[in-house]
Amino acid sequence: MRVTLINPTIRAEERPFFFPYGLGVIAACLRDAGHHVTVYDQNVFRTSNEQVVATLRESPPPDVLAVGGLISTYGHLRQLLPLIREAFPDVPLVLGGGVTVRPDVVFARLPVDVCVVVEGEHTMLELCAAFAEGGRTFEKVPGIVFRRDGKLVWSEPRPLERNLDVFPFPAYELFPTETYLEANALSGFTGLDVGQKRCATLAWSRGCVNECTFCWRMCGRTIRFRSLDLLMDELVFLRREYGADSYFFTDECINASPRLARDLARMLIERDLVAPWYSCARVTNFDDDLAAELARSGCVGLTFGMESGSPKILAEMKKNATPQHATQALAACHRHGIIPLCPFIIGMPSETEETLRETIHFIKENRIEFFTFYFATPFPGSELFDWPDTQRRIREKFGTVESFFEAVGCLETLTLNLTKFTDEELIQWQNDATLWAQPVYDRPYVAIPEALTPRRALQPVLARAAEEGWRQVALYGAGLHTQRVLEEVDFGALNVAAIIEDNETRWGESLCGVPIISPADALAMQLDAVILSSDRFESILEKKAAPLQQAGVPVLRLYGQHAPSEAVDALIDD
């Protein structure tokens, strides 16, 4: 059969960072079964819905059209699918992915013939066979919902495939894979620039065993892993065929099994596949030994779902974790050069000014540099969505569940207020919390040990400068730390001639009156020394400053050389 798969636009305001892995595996299963598969990736092309339909019409009409989507694409699909139905009135239209969490809502608003519930690989193969028979055997296909005689019919639930190794690699060749690699999720999505340019996004596991009340688990509280041999083979393939130089594992919890996480690290090293990589992790399964092994295998960053610094809110979320767990995980990351990115959620029903201030204090106390505040959003299928008060608020604001579905989207935007704050107050809290938590040196919330202040740390540098007769130096890094150095430190006769910055958008600007320049421009200057201006990322900056060091310019670390390790540990662990 001729099967056309459509990947709709997901976040129009962002570059397409993440390869649609699940749809890619389904495409490979259909292809390997002998079907003629084509893919239209609207998320990459960013074409209008009308252009999607016009392009589909240019090809021979398909026998089956299938669309995958997250729940946040529901509003977009409300516009796209009617156009597809109008253009192909007689072609079966299948919808799958997280958007089908409530098939009754889908069939009430979207012109689809079949909803695939949960996983789609086996289901799509059996559906194609059923379509070939005119749809008479739909009831025999587990895991679908369809309409017959004006009523919805649910087939038997499909058991989860326990052995993920039965599925092939995604059909990368059918997708605009180059665009995903060049979008470089490692730097583009996370903001971590480690010099790599072509990041592959792929999945090792499926599912999550945690029970967070705000999260919908498509596969229930289960987690299944592909074999590491198969994962390594896929990495070899991506490096050989597509030039991938880094990896972004989209797993919900890379350390759900600490033992397997260690095996992953060791396998990357043994197979000579060490490269910068990133994933998501849980704080309760993360210790110093695991951090060390992950770092050796190339791990440069992890997203930890901190969610809140308030024990009360964490309990309401059923995180089964405490702020102390998070602090220990952050400490392990700091010690081994893994950068933690920490999303926080504000607006749970029990949120108060006190709990919000606890979260802000937690960020400052643990010196978290990369964090984001999202609004609590009751995604359909989550426990939070089913709470009676949530349903009441949905009815009051949206009238119907269908209208709420259409509104669900970006987590940075308040969709539904679950608190006792007004909408305006909650939005203001999000704005204020981001500002208040940002300056990690703000005295009301955290007292930096004197041994770690820039004034104290720079004393040996200034003494050396005087001894060796240095006249001008540059600071490497144009962040908050550099601003504080320039505001608080008296360099005397020593001239801070420039600030070196890798972000080209900053070149030509100035900070505290000092020009910001590129590393290449710094090489052309007559510098007596370069001072790494970061209290957390000296090891990363030192690698970036290697060309200067090779040119004979001394590159100095502040805290790594002069701050007692006990002071660092005390700052992180207290």
Protein backbone atom coordinates (compact mmCIF):
# COMPACT_ATOMS: atom_id res chain seq x y z
CA MET A 1 0.00 0.00 0.00
CA ARG A 2 1.00 3.64 -0.44
CA VAL A 3 1.23 5.15 3.05
CA THR A 4 1.93 8.84 3.65
CA LEU A 5 3.03 9.91 7.12
CA ILE A 6 2.76 13.55 8.22
CA ASN A 7 4.72 15.15 11.03
CA PRO A 8 2.88 18.40 11.84
CA THR A 9 4.46 21.62 13.05
CA ILE A 10 5.05 21.34 16.79
CA ARG A 11 6.57 24.61 18.04
CA ALA A 12 6.54 27.19 15.29
CA GLU A 13 8.62 29.61 17.35
CA GLU A 14 11.54 27.13 17.69
CA ARG A 15 13.85 25.41 15.26
CA PRO A 16 13.09 21.71 14.66
CA PHE A 17 15.62 20.19 17.03
CA PHE A 18 14.24 16.72 17.68
CA PHE A 19 13.93 14.02 15.05
CA PRO A 20 10.41 12.46 15.29
CA TYR A 21 11.79 9.17 16.52
CA GLY A 22 8.54 7.29 17.04
CA LEU A 23 7.19 8.23 13.61
CA GLY A 24 10.55 7.29 12.13
CA VAL A 25 10.37 3.79 13.61
CA ILE A 26 6.80 3.36 12.33
CA ALA A 27 7.97 4.43 8.87
CA ALA A 28 10.75 1.83 9.00
CA CYS A 29 8.34 -0.93 10.07
CA LEU A 30 6.00 -0.13 7.19
CA ARG A 31 8.86 0.10 4.71
CA ASP A 32 10.35 -3.21 5.83
CA ALA A 33 6.91 -4.84 5.46
CA GLY A 34 6.86 -3.88 1.77
CA HIS A 35 4.67 -0.78 1.87
CA HIS A 36 5.56 2.28 -0.19
CA VAL A 37 6.14 4.97 2.46
CA THR A 38 6.49 8.71 1.97
CA VAL A 39 6.90 11.34 4.67
CA TYR A 40 5.91 14.98 4.74
CA ASP A 41 7.66 16.71 7.63
CA GLN A 42 5.82 20.00 8.11
CA ASN A 43 7.75 20.57 11.32
CA VAL A 44 10.93 20.97 9.27
CA PHE A 45 9.53 22.69 6.19
CA ARG A 46 7.32 25.05 8.23
CA THR A 47 4.95 25.31 5.30
CA SER A 48 1.37 26.51 5.58
CA ASN A 49 -1.38 23.94 5.92
CA GLU A 50 -2.53 24.84 2.42
CA GLN A 51 0.96 24.14 1.09
CA VAL A 52 0.98 20.76 2.83
CA VAL A 53 -2.17 19.77 0.97
CA ALA A 54 -0.90 21.20 -2.34
CA THR A 55 2.31 19.18 -2.05
CA LEU A 56 0.44 15.98 -1.21
CA ARG A 57 -1.73 16.47 -4.29
CA GLU A 58 1.34 16.57 -6.51
CA SER A 59 2.07 12.91 -5.75
CA PRO A 60 0.01 9.82 -6.51
CA PRO A 61 -2.84 9.62 -3.99
CA PRO A 62 -1.98 7.49 -0.97
CA ASP A 63 -3.99 4.52 0.23
CA VAL A 64 -3.57 5.63 3.85
CA LEU A 65 -2.75 8.98 5.43
CA ALA A 66 -1.38 8.92 8.98
CA VAL A 67 -0.59 11.90 11.21
CA GLY A 68 1.28 11.84 14.52
CA GLY A 69 1.15 14.56 17.12
CA LEU A 70 1.64 15.64 20.72
CA ILE A 71 -1.30 16.91 22.74
CA SER A 72 0.09 20.42 22.22
CA THR A 73 -0.47 20.05 18.46
CA TYR A 74 -4.23 19.63 18.87
CA GLY A 75 -4.99 23.25 18.03
CA HIS A 76 -2.82 23.04 14.92
CA LEU A 77 -4.44 19.80 13.82
CA ARG A 78 -7.86 21.46 14.11
CA GLN A 79 -6.78 23.60 11.15
CA LEU A 80 -4.74 21.05 9.18
CA LEU A 81 -6.85 17.89 9.21
CA PRO A 82 -10.05 19.38 7.72
CA LEU A 83 -8.00 20.56 4.72
CA ILE A 84 -6.51 17.09 4.29
CA ARG A 85 -9.96 15.50 4.57
CA GLU A 86 -11.36 17.88 1.96
CA ALA A 87 -8.52 17.10 -0.44
CA PHE A 88 -8.63 13.33 0.12
CA PRO A 89 -12.22 12.50 1.12
CA ASP A 90 -11.91 8.79 0.37
CA VAL A 91 -8.48 8.12 1.86
CA PRO A 92 -8.45 6.67 5.42
CA LEU A 93 -7.05 9.22 7.87
CA VAL A 94 -5.27 7.82 10.94
CA LEU A 95 -4.19 9.87 13.97
CA GLY A 96 -1.66 8.70 16.57
CA GLY A 97 0.65 9.94 19.29
CA GLY A 98 -0.09 11.72 22.54
CA VAL A 99 -2.92 13.72 20.98
CA THR A 100 -5.11 10.60 21.05
CA VAL A 101 -5.16 10.42 24.86
CA ARG A 102 -8.88 11.22 24.67
CA PRO A 103 -10.28 9.70 21.44
CA ASP A 104 -13.77 10.98 22.30
CA VAL A 105 -12.46 14.55 22.09
CA VAL A 106 -10.59 13.79 18.86
CA PHE A 107 -13.64 12.35 17.11
CA ALA A 108 -15.82 15.24 18.32
CA ARG A 109 -13.67 17.82 16.54
CA LEU A 110 -11.30 16.17 14.04
CA PRO A 111 -12.25 14.39 10.80
CA VAL A 112 -10.27 11.20 11.39
CA ASP A 113 -11.23 7.59 10.74
CA VAL A 114 -9.04 5.80 13.28
CA CYS A 115 -7.17 6.78 16.46
CA VAL A 116 -4.13 4.72 17.39
CA VAL A 117 -3.82 4.52 21.17
CA VAL A 118 -0.39 4.10 22.80
CA GLU A 119 2.32 2.55 20.57
CA GLY A 120 1.85 2.45 16.83
CA GLU A 121 4.39 0.11 15.21
CA HIS A 122 2.46 -3.16 15.30
CA THR A 123 -0.86 -1.33 15.10
CA MET A 124 -0.07 0.46 11.83
CA LEU A 125 1.01 -2.78 10.17
CA GLU A 126 -2.22 -4.49 11.19
CA LEU A 127 -4.29 -1.42 10.27
CA CYS A 128 -2.89 -1.42 6.75
CA ALA A 129 -3.94 -5.06 6.41
CA ALA A 130 -7.41 -4.13 7.69
CA PHE A 131 -7.68 -1.22 5.25
CA ALA A 132 -6.80 -3.62 2.43
CA GLU A 133 -9.88 -5.60 3.45
CA GLY A 134 -12.09 -2.52 3.45
CA GLY A 135 -12.00 -2.00 7.22
CA ARG A 136 -14.15 -5.03 7.96
CA THR A 137 -11.61 -6.43 10.45
CA PHE A 138 -10.95 -3.31 12.52
CA GLU A 139 -12.20 -5.02 15.67
CA LYS A 140 -9.35 -7.51 15.39
CA VAL A 141 -6.70 -4.76 15.53
CA PRO A 142 -5.78 -4.07 19.19
CA GLY A 143 -5.08 -0.55 20.32
CA ILE A 144 -7.41 1.52 18.12
CA VAL A 145 -10.64 3.50 18.33
CA PHE A 146 -12.86 4.01 15.30
CA ARG A 147 -16.35 5.11 14.46
CA ARG A 148 -19.00 2.67 13.22
CA ASP A 149 -22.66 3.52 12.70
CA GLY A 150 -22.14 6.85 14.42
CA LYS A 151 -20.69 5.31 17.60
CA LEU A 152 -17.13 4.98 18.84
CA VAL A 153 -15.76 1.46 18.99
CA TRP A 154 -12.76 0.60 21.17
CA SER A 155 -10.78 -2.49 20.25
CA GLU A 156 -8.90 -4.52 22.83
CA PRO A 157 -5.91 -2.68 24.39
CA ARG A 158 -2.64 -3.52 22.74
CA PRO A 159 -0.02 -5.02 25.06
CA LEU A 160 3.21 -3.06 25.15
CA GLU A 161 6.05 -4.55 23.16
CA ARG A 162 8.50 -5.67 25.81
CA ASN A 163 11.39 -6.30 23.41
CA LEU A 164 12.16 -3.01 21.73
CA ASP A 165 14.92 -4.68 19.72
CA VAL A 166 12.28 -6.13 17.37
CA PHE A 167 11.88 -2.63 15.92
CA PRO A 168 14.31 -1.33 13.29
CA PHE A 169 16.17 1.97 13.37
CA PRO A 170 14.03 4.90 12.22
CA ALA A 171 13.80 5.35 8.44
CA TYR A 172 16.15 8.31 8.55
CA GLU A 173 16.41 8.42 4.77
CA LEU A 174 12.69 9.24 4.44
CA PHE A 175 12.95 12.35 6.64
CA PRO A 176 14.86 15.64 6.26
CA THR A 177 17.34 14.29 8.79
CA GLU A 178 20.03 16.78 7.78
CA THR A 179 17.92 19.63 9.12
CA TYR A 180 17.55 17.97 12.50
CA LEU A 181 21.28 17.32 12.77
CA GLU A 182 22.20 20.86 11.75
CA ALA A 183 19.67 22.34 14.18
CA ASN A 184 22.02 20.86 16.79
CA ALA A 185 19.81 20.22 19.81
CA LEU A 186 22.85 20.08 22.09
CA SER A 187 23.63 23.77 21.62
CA GLY A 188 20.43 25.08 20.03
CA PHE A 189 17.96 23.63 22.53
CA THR A 190 20.04 23.54 25.71
CA GLY A 191 22.33 26.49 25.02
CA LEU A 192 25.44 24.41 25.81
CA ASP A 193 28.06 25.17 23.18
CA VAL A 194 30.77 22.51 23.32
CA GLY A 195 31.99 22.96 19.77
CA GLN A 196 29.97 20.20 18.10
CA LYS A 197 27.82 21.01 15.06
CA ARG A 198 25.74 17.92 14.17
CA CYS A 199 23.74 16.50 17.06
CA ALA A 200 21.75 13.30 16.60
CA THR A 201 18.58 12.93 18.68
CA LEU A 202 17.58 9.38 19.50
CA ALA A 203 15.96 7.24 22.19
CA TRP A 204 17.38 4.37 24.22
CA SER A 205 14.30 3.68 26.34
CA ARG A 206 10.55 4.19 26.38
CA GLY A 207 8.45 5.20 29.31
CA CYS A 208 8.91 6.38 32.89
CA VAL A 209 8.28 4.65 36.21
CA ASN A 210 7.63 7.83 38.18
CA GLU A 211 4.17 9.07 39.19
CA CYS A 212 4.32 12.85 38.88
CA THR A 213 0.77 14.20 39.06
CA PHE A 214 1.30 16.74 36.26
CA CYS A 215 2.62 14.22 33.73
CA TRP A 216 0.82 11.91 31.33
CA ARG A 217 2.58 8.59 30.74
CA MET A 218 1.44 7.21 27.40
CA CYS A 219 2.71 3.75 28.28
CA GLY A 220 1.77 3.81 31.95
CA ARG A 221 4.35 3.52 34.71
CA THR A 222 6.67 1.27 32.75
CA ILE A 223 10.09 1.64 31.24
CA ARG A 224 11.72 -0.55 28.60
CA PHE A 225 15.25 -0.34 27.25
CA ARG A 226 16.69 -1.27 23.90
CA SER A 227 19.80 -3.39 24.11
CA LEU A 228 23.00 -1.40 24.37
CA ASP A 229 24.49 -3.29 21.43
CA LEU A 230 21.64 -2.08 19.22
CA LEU A 231 21.97 1.47 20.54
CA MET A 232 25.72 1.47 19.83
CA ASP A 233 25.07 0.16 16.31
CA GLU A 234 22.69 3.05 15.72
CA LEU A 235 25.27 5.55 16.95
CA VAL A 236 27.85 4.04 14.60
CA PHE A 237 25.32 4.35 11.77
CA LEU A 238 24.54 7.99 12.58
CA ARG A 239 28.20 8.90 12.77
CA ARG A 240 29.07 7.10 9.55
CA GLU A 241 26.09 8.05 7.39
CA TYR A 242 25.24 11.49 8.77
CA GLY A 243 28.41 12.74 10.42
CA ALA A 244 26.84 13.00 13.88
CA ASP A 245 29.38 14.37 16.35
CA SER A 246 27.20 14.51 19.46
CA TYR A 247 24.08 12.87 20.88
CA PHE A 248 20.89 13.97 22.58
CA PHE A 249 19.14 11.01 24.22
CA THR A 250 15.47 11.98 24.47
CA ASP A 251 14.78 9.41 27.19
CA GLU A 252 12.56 10.65 30.00
CA CYS A 253 14.95 9.30 32.62
CA ILE A 254 18.39 8.15 31.46
CA ASN A 255 19.23 6.91 34.97
CA ALA A 256 15.95 5.13 35.73
CA SER A 257 18.26 2.15 36.16
CA PRO A 258 21.59 3.39 37.56
CA ARG A 259 23.14 0.05 36.66
CA LEU A 260 22.13 0.36 33.03
CA ALA A 261 23.22 4.00 32.98
CA ARG A 262 26.69 2.90 34.07
CA ASP A 263 26.63 0.20 31.39
CA LEU A 264 25.75 2.87 28.82
CA ALA A 265 28.73 4.97 29.87
CA ARG A 266 31.11 2.01 29.78
CA MET A 267 29.83 0.87 26.39
CA LEU A 268 30.35 4.31 24.87
CA ILE A 269 33.94 4.20 26.05
CA GLU A 270 34.56 0.60 24.98
CA ARG A 271 33.10 1.16 21.51
CA ASP A 272 35.11 4.36 21.00
CA LEU A 273 31.90 6.37 20.73
CA VAL A 274 32.67 8.98 23.37
CA ALA A 275 31.26 12.34 22.27
CA PRO A 276 29.40 15.17 23.97
CA TRP A 277 25.93 13.99 24.92
CA TYR A 278 22.90 15.15 26.87
CA SER A 279 19.75 13.66 28.37
CA CYS A 280 17.26 13.88 31.25
CA ALA A 281 17.84 12.35 34.67
CA ARG A 282 16.25 11.91 38.07
CA VAL A 283 17.85 13.30 41.22
CA THR A 284 17.12 10.28 43.43
CA ASN A 285 19.16 7.89 41.28
CA PHE A 286 22.18 10.11 40.87
CA ASP A 287 25.35 9.95 42.92
CA ASP A 288 28.99 10.89 42.62
CA ASP A 289 30.10 7.57 41.12
CA LEU A 290 27.44 7.67 38.40
CA ALA A 291 28.24 11.32 37.60
CA ALA A 292 31.91 10.42 37.20
CA GLU A 293 31.18 7.56 34.80
CA LEU A 294 28.72 9.58 32.74
CA ALA A 295 31.18 12.46 32.48
CA ARG A 296 33.94 10.12 31.27
CA SER A 297 31.63 8.87 28.52
CA GLY A 298 31.00 12.39 27.23
CA CYS A 299 27.98 13.59 29.21
CA VAL A 300 28.13 17.40 29.28
CA GLY A 301 24.67 18.20 30.65
CA LEU A 302 21.50 16.77 32.12
CA THR A 303 18.01 18.10 32.67
CA PHE A 304 16.83 17.37 36.19
CA GLY A 305 13.12 17.81 36.82
CA MET A 306 13.60 19.76 40.04
CA GLU A 307 10.09 21.25 39.70
CA SER A 308 10.13 22.96 43.12
CA GLY A 309 12.27 23.78 46.11
CA SER A 310 9.32 23.34 48.45
CA PRO A 311 8.84 19.95 50.14
CA LYS A 312 5.10 20.68 50.28
CA ILE A 313 4.82 21.18 46.52
CA LEU A 314 7.06 18.21 45.75
CA ALA A 315 4.73 16.03 47.82
CA GLU A 316 1.70 17.36 45.97
CA MET A 317 3.44 16.53 42.69
CA LYS A 318 4.25 13.00 43.95
CA LYS A 319 7.86 13.54 42.95
CA ASN A 320 9.07 11.08 45.61
CA ALA A 321 12.12 13.30 45.94
CA THR A 322 13.24 16.02 48.32
CA PRO A 323 15.28 19.23 47.93
CA GLN A 324 18.09 17.35 49.66
CA HIS A 325 18.11 14.73 46.89
CA ALA A 326 18.33 17.53 44.34
CA THR A 327 21.16 19.27 46.17
CA GLN A 328 23.20 16.07 46.25
CA ALA A 329 22.64 15.48 42.52
CA LEU A 330 23.65 19.04 41.71
CA ALA A 331 26.79 18.67 43.83
CA ALA A 332 27.77 15.54 41.91
CA CYS A 333 27.26 17.37 38.61
CA HIS A 334 29.37 20.31 39.74
CA ARG A 335 32.23 18.08 40.83
CA HIS A 336 32.39 16.25 37.52
CA GLY A 337 31.75 19.04 35.02
CA ILE A 338 28.19 18.04 34.07
CA ILE A 339 26.02 21.11 33.60
CA PRO A 340 22.56 20.74 35.16
CA LEU A 341 19.59 22.38 33.47
CA CYS A 342 16.70 22.64 35.87
CA PRO A 343 13.05 23.30 34.95
CA PHE A 344 10.77 24.46 37.75
CA ILE A 345 6.98 24.43 37.82
CA ILE A 346 4.98 27.12 39.57
CA GLY A 347 1.23 27.20 40.00
CA MET A 348 0.33 23.87 41.58
CA PRO A 349 -2.94 24.10 43.55
CA SER A 350 -1.13 24.40 46.91
CA GLU A 351 1.28 27.09 45.72
CA THR A 352 1.70 30.07 48.07
CA GLU A 353 4.12 32.95 48.43
CA GLU A 354 6.01 30.86 50.96
CA THR A 355 6.45 27.88 48.62
CA LEU A 356 7.48 30.16 45.77
CA ARG A 357 10.11 31.81 47.95
CA GLU A 358 11.36 28.36 48.97
CA THR A 359 11.95 27.58 45.29
CA ILE A 360 13.76 30.86 44.66
CA HIS A 361 15.92 30.28 47.73
CA PHE A 362 16.69 26.73 46.56
CA ILE A 363 17.92 28.01 43.18
CA LYS A 364 20.14 30.60 44.81
CA GLU A 365 21.41 28.30 47.53
CA ASN A 366 22.48 25.69 44.96
CA ARG A 367 23.81 28.27 42.51
CA ILE A 368 21.73 26.93 39.63
CA GLU A 369 22.62 28.96 36.57
CA PHE A 370 20.38 27.33 33.95
CA PHE A 371 16.76 27.19 35.05
CA THR A 372 13.30 27.88 33.65
CA PHE A 373 9.96 28.54 35.29
CA TYR A 374 7.00 26.79 33.67
CA PHE A 375 3.36 27.00 34.67
CA ALA A 376 1.65 23.93 36.08
CA THR A 377 -0.48 22.65 33.20
CA PRO A 378 -2.98 19.79 33.66
CA PHE A 379 -2.25 17.78 30.55
CA PRO A 380 -5.07 15.44 29.55
CA GLY A 381 -4.36 11.99 30.91
CA SER A 382 -2.46 13.28 33.94
CA GLU A 383 -3.67 12.88 37.51
CA LEU A 384 -3.72 16.67 37.82
CA PHE A 385 -6.13 16.89 34.89
CA ASP A 386 -8.56 14.47 36.56
CA TRP A 387 -8.73 16.28 39.90
CA PRO A 388 -12.29 17.61 40.48
CA ASP A 389 -11.15 21.17 41.08
CA THR A 390 -9.17 21.11 37.83
CA GLN A 391 -12.23 19.94 35.92
CA ARG A 392 -14.29 22.69 37.55
CA ARG A 393 -11.78 25.35 36.50
CA ILE A 394 -11.69 23.97 32.94
CA ARG A 395 -15.47 24.22 32.68
CA GLU A 396 -15.47 27.75 34.11
CA LYS A 397 -12.78 29.08 31.79
CA PHE A 398 -13.20 27.05 28.60
CA GLY A 399 -16.71 25.69 28.74
CA THR A 400 -15.72 22.34 27.25
CA VAL A 401 -12.79 19.95 27.44
CA GLU A 402 -12.44 20.27 23.66
CA SER A 403 -11.77 24.00 23.97
CA PHE A 404 -9.19 23.34 26.66
CA PHE A 405 -7.42 20.84 24.37
CA GLU A 406 -7.18 23.52 21.72
CA ALA A 407 -5.64 25.98 24.18
CA VAL A 408 -2.95 23.66 25.59
CA GLY A 409 0.44 24.56 24.22
CA CYS A 410 3.60 26.25 25.42
CA LEU A 411 4.33 25.73 29.12
CA GLU A 412 5.77 29.23 29.43
CA THR A 413 2.23 30.52 28.87
CA LEU A 414 -0.43 30.26 31.56
CA THR A 415 -3.23 28.05 30.21
CA LEU A 416 -5.19 27.36 33.40
CA ASN A 417 -4.66 28.89 36.82
CA LEU A 418 -4.93 26.21 39.53
CA THR A 419 -3.98 28.44 42.47
CA LYS A 420 -5.56 31.04 44.72
CA PHE A 421 -3.54 33.76 42.97
CA THR A 422 -5.15 35.79 40.21
CA ASP A 423 -3.82 35.17 36.71
CA GLU A 424 -2.03 38.50 36.82
CA GLU A 425 -0.42 37.71 40.17
CA LEU A 426 0.78 34.27 39.05
CA ILE A 427 2.25 35.65 35.82
CA GLN A 428 3.98 38.37 37.82
CA TRP A 429 5.39 35.72 40.15
CA GLN A 430 6.85 33.89 37.16
CA ASN A 431 8.48 37.08 35.90
CA ASP A 432 9.74 38.15 39.31
CA ALA A 433 11.01 34.68 40.27
CA THR A 434 13.10 34.53 37.09
CA LEU A 435 14.68 37.87 37.94
CA TRP A 436 15.13 37.26 41.66
CA ALA A 437 16.70 33.85 41.21
CA GLN A 438 19.05 34.93 38.41
CA PRO A 439 21.85 36.75 40.32
CA VAL A 440 23.42 33.83 42.15
CA TYR A 441 25.41 36.21 44.33
CA ASP A 442 22.41 38.12 45.70
CA ARG A 443 23.23 38.44 49.42
CA PRO A 444 19.68 38.20 50.84
CA TYR A 445 19.42 34.62 49.61
CA VAL A 446 22.91 33.14 49.66
CA ALA A 447 26.21 34.14 51.23
CA ILE A 448 29.14 33.15 49.06
CA PRO A 449 32.11 31.98 51.17
CA GLU A 450 34.76 34.71 51.23
CA ALA A 451 37.27 32.29 49.72
CA LEU A 452 35.15 32.18 46.57
CA THR A 453 34.50 35.89 46.01
CA PRO A 454 36.16 37.37 42.92
CA ARG A 455 38.01 39.94 45.08
CA ARG A 456 39.62 37.18 47.14
CA ALA A 457 40.23 34.81 44.24
CA LEU A 458 41.94 37.50 42.16
CA GLN A 459 44.50 38.42 44.82
CA PRO A 460 47.07 35.81 43.64
CA VAL A 461 46.50 36.90 40.02
CA LEU A 462 47.08 40.57 40.83
CA ALA A 463 50.16 39.67 42.86
CA ARG A 464 51.57 37.71 39.92
CA ALA A 465 50.73 40.55 37.54
CA ALA A 466 52.69 42.99 39.67
CA GLU A 467 55.60 40.57 40.01
CA GLU A 468 55.85 39.90 36.27
CA GLY A 469 55.04 43.43 35.13
CA TRP A 470 51.87 42.64 33.24
CA ARG A 471 50.14 45.62 31.71
CA GLN A 472 46.94 44.30 30.13
CA VAL A 473 44.80 41.21 30.46
CA ALA A 474 41.47 39.96 29.12
CA LEU A 475 38.64 38.23 30.93
CA TYR A 476 37.17 35.14 29.21
CA GLY A 477 33.37 35.06 29.46
CA ALA A 478 30.83 37.90 29.31
CA GLY A 479 28.42 36.64 31.97
CA LEU A 480 27.24 37.72 35.41
CA HIS A 481 30.51 36.68 37.00
CA THR A 482 32.48 39.05 34.76
CA GLN A 483 30.11 41.89 35.54
CA ARG A 484 30.66 41.30 39.24
CA VAL A 485 34.44 41.16 38.78
CA LEU A 486 34.47 44.49 36.98
CA GLU A 487 32.17 46.10 39.54
CA GLU A 488 33.92 44.84 42.67
CA VAL A 489 37.61 44.36 41.89
CA ASP A 490 40.20 47.16 41.75
CA PHE A 491 42.76 46.13 39.13
CA GLY A 492 44.95 49.15 39.87
CA ALA A 493 47.43 49.81 37.06
CA LEU A 494 46.53 46.52 35.35
CA ASN A 495 44.33 47.22 32.33
CA VAL A 496 41.42 44.90 31.55
CA ALA A 497 41.60 45.49 27.82
CA ALA A 498 38.82 43.19 26.61
CA ILE A 499 36.27 40.51 27.40
CA ILE A 500 36.50 37.41 25.24
CA GLU A 501 33.17 35.82 24.37
CA ASP A 502 32.22 32.87 22.14
CA ASN A 503 28.68 34.12 21.43
CA GLU A 504 29.11 36.14 18.26
CA THR A 505 25.92 38.12 18.93
CA ARG A 506 27.80 39.83 21.82
CA TRP A 507 30.82 40.87 19.75
CA GLY A 508 31.04 44.62 19.48
CA GLU A 509 29.09 45.20 22.70
CA SER A 510 30.65 46.28 25.97
CA LEU A 511 30.25 45.29 29.61
CA CYS A 512 31.03 47.88 32.28
CA GLY A 513 32.80 49.86 29.57
CA VAL A 514 35.05 46.98 28.47
CA PRO A 515 34.71 45.86 24.82
CA ILE A 516 33.53 42.31 24.09
CA ILE A 517 35.57 40.62 21.37
CA SER A 518 35.91 37.25 19.64
CA PRO A 519 38.59 34.67 20.52
CA ALA A 520 40.17 35.32 17.11
CA ASP A 521 40.48 39.04 17.86
CA ALA A 522 42.04 38.20 21.21
CA LEU A 523 44.82 36.30 19.46
CA ALA A 524 45.77 39.49 17.63
CA MET A 525 46.12 41.48 20.85
CA GLN A 526 49.26 41.84 22.93
CA LEU A 527 47.83 40.26 26.08
CA ASP A 528 49.93 39.42 29.08
CA ALA A 529 47.35 36.92 30.38
CA VAL A 530 43.76 35.69 30.04
CA ILE A 531 41.68 35.18 33.18
CA LEU A 532 38.86 32.63 33.00
CA SER A 533 35.91 34.56 34.41
CA SER A 534 33.51 31.89 35.63
CA ASP A 535 32.96 30.38 39.03
CA ARG A 536 31.48 27.17 37.62
CA PHE A 537 32.65 26.47 34.07
CA GLU A 538 36.40 26.99 34.24
CA SER A 539 37.12 23.58 32.69
CA ILE A 540 34.94 24.37 29.68
CA LEU A 541 36.42 27.84 29.25
CA GLU A 542 39.93 26.46 29.57
CA LYS A 543 39.32 24.20 26.57
CA LYS A 544 37.95 27.14 24.58
CA ALA A 545 41.02 29.22 25.50
CA ALA A 546 43.45 26.54 24.30
CA PRO A 547 44.48 28.48 21.13
CA LEU A 548 45.52 31.44 23.31
CA GLN A 549 47.53 29.18 25.57
CA GLN A 550 49.18 27.56 22.55
CA ALA A 551 50.11 31.06 21.37
CA GLY A 552 52.00 31.58 24.62
CA VAL A 553 49.43 33.60 26.54
CA PRO A 554 49.06 32.44 30.17
CA VAL A 555 45.48 31.28 30.84
CA LEU A 556 44.58 31.49 34.52
CA ARG A 557 41.88 29.71 36.46
CA LEU A 558 40.62 31.49 39.55
CA TYR A 559 38.67 29.06 41.69
CA GLY A 560 40.23 25.83 40.48
CA GLN A 561 43.66 27.12 41.50
CA HIS A 562 43.04 29.29 44.51
CA ALA A 563 39.79 28.29 46.23
CA PRO A 564 40.10 25.46 48.79
CA SER A 565 38.10 22.44 47.62
CA GLU A 566 36.52 22.31 51.07
CA ALA A 567 34.98 25.73 50.46
CA VAL A 568 33.54 24.57 47.16
CA ASP A 569 32.09 21.44 48.73
CA ALA A 570 30.64 23.44 51.60
CA LEU A 571 28.97 25.85 49.22
CA ILE A 572 27.39 23.04 47.23
CA ASP A 573 26.50 20.62 50.02
CA ASP A 574 25.28 22.87 52.84
